[in-house]
Amino acid sequence: MTTDERAVLFLDELAELTKKYRVKICGCGCCDSPYLVNLDKNEDNDTELDYGCICWNEEDNEYGFNISSFDDKAIRNRIRREANEKTN
């Protein structure tokens, strides 16, 4: 598979994830860092999520929140646990 083909297929899957979770990826105007945006804006929430920029974590082989003052793994694990509790 060529790089162009992989890029197009990646964007296709990213579009499906965006529709499923109602979250899109945007880029910071000053540093080009990606961040997450909530597509379901209402009076109770802002569009930008409160976890700052996201980055690829080579050690964990997954995306994480680029937050220096918080434990990224603890935040992700808490959110996953809460999501699982809602579905069970």
Protein backbone atom coordinates (compact mmCIF):
# COMPACT_ATOMS: atom_id res chain seq x y z
CA MET A 1 0.00 0.00 0.00
CA THR A 2 1.37 3.41 -0.94
CA THR A 3 1.74 6.31 1.46
CA ASP A 4 -1.04 8.18 -0.36
CA GLU A 5 -3.37 5.20 -0.05
CA ARG A 6 -2.61 4.83 3.66
CA ALA A 7 -3.24 8.55 4.21
CA VAL A 8 -6.63 8.45 2.47
CA LEU A 9 -7.70 5.32 4.36
CA PHE A 10 -6.52 6.86 7.63
CA LEU A 11 -8.63 9.96 7.00
CA ASP A 12 -11.63 7.79 6.17
CA GLU A 13 -11.31 5.96 9.49
CA LEU A 14 -10.65 9.22 11.35
CA ALA A 15 -13.89 10.64 9.92
CA GLU A 16 -15.79 7.61 11.25
CA LEU A 17 -14.22 8.03 14.71
CA THR A 18 -15.11 11.72 14.68
CA LYS A 19 -18.74 10.90 13.88
CA LYS A 20 -18.89 8.11 16.47
CA TYR A 21 -17.41 10.06 19.40
CA ARG A 22 -18.36 13.62 18.32
CA VAL A 23 -14.77 14.77 18.86
CA LYS A 24 -12.52 16.24 16.19
CA ILE A 25 -8.82 17.00 16.07
CA CYS A 26 -7.70 20.58 15.48
CA GLY A 27 -4.28 22.21 15.43
CA CYS A 28 -2.96 25.01 17.60
CA GLY A 29 -2.24 28.18 15.64
CA CYS A 30 0.96 28.99 17.52
CA CYS A 31 2.64 25.61 18.02
CA ASP A 32 0.84 23.26 15.58
CA SER A 33 0.08 20.85 18.42
CA PRO A 34 -3.10 18.83 17.89
CA TYR A 35 -5.91 19.18 20.42
CA LEU A 36 -9.38 17.69 20.77
CA VAL A 37 -12.63 19.60 20.20
CA ASN A 38 -16.07 18.53 21.43
CA LEU A 39 -18.57 18.79 18.57
CA ASP A 40 -21.54 18.77 20.96
CA LYS A 41 -21.21 22.28 22.36
CA ASN A 42 -23.92 23.39 24.76
CA GLU A 43 -24.26 25.66 27.78
CA ASP A 44 -22.59 23.11 30.05
CA ASN A 45 -19.40 22.61 28.07
CA ASP A 46 -16.96 24.42 25.86
CA THR A 47 -15.89 23.06 22.52
CA GLU A 48 -12.25 22.60 23.50
CA LEU A 49 -11.73 19.69 25.87
CA ASP A 50 -9.82 20.39 29.07
CA TYR A 51 -6.87 18.10 28.51
CA GLY A 52 -4.68 20.32 26.39
CA CYS A 53 -2.74 19.11 23.42
CA ILE A 54 -2.48 15.45 22.52
CA CYS A 55 0.67 13.63 21.53
CA TRP A 56 1.82 10.17 20.52
CA ASN A 57 3.44 8.34 23.44
CA GLU A 58 6.15 6.08 22.04
CA GLU A 59 6.54 4.18 25.31
CA ASP A 60 2.85 3.28 25.62
CA ASN A 61 2.29 3.12 21.85
CA GLU A 62 -0.86 5.24 22.12
CA TYR A 63 -2.03 8.84 22.16
CA GLY A 64 -2.06 10.73 25.43
CA PHE A 65 -2.71 14.16 26.82
CA ASN A 66 0.29 16.48 26.87
CA ILE A 67 -0.25 17.72 30.41
CA SER A 68 2.79 18.46 32.52
CA SER A 69 0.91 19.10 35.77
CA PHE A 70 -1.25 15.94 35.72
CA ASP A 71 -0.65 12.23 35.54
CA ASP A 72 -1.71 11.49 31.95
CA LYS A 73 -2.05 7.74 32.50
CA ALA A 74 -4.19 8.23 35.60
CA ILE A 75 -6.51 10.59 33.72
CA ARG A 76 -6.89 8.21 30.78
CA ASN A 77 -7.48 5.22 33.08
CA ARG A 78 -10.10 7.12 35.10
CA ILE A 79 -11.95 8.17 31.96
CA ARG A 80 -11.84 4.62 30.56
CA ARG A 81 -13.13 3.21 33.86
CA GLU A 82 -16.00 5.72 34.00
CA ALA A 83 -16.93 4.98 30.38
CA ASN A 84 -16.95 1.24 31.07
CA GLU A 85 -19.15 1.72 34.14
CA LYS A 86 -21.68 3.64 32.03
CA THR A 87 -21.89 0.84 29.46
CA ASN A 88 -22.21 -1.98 32.02
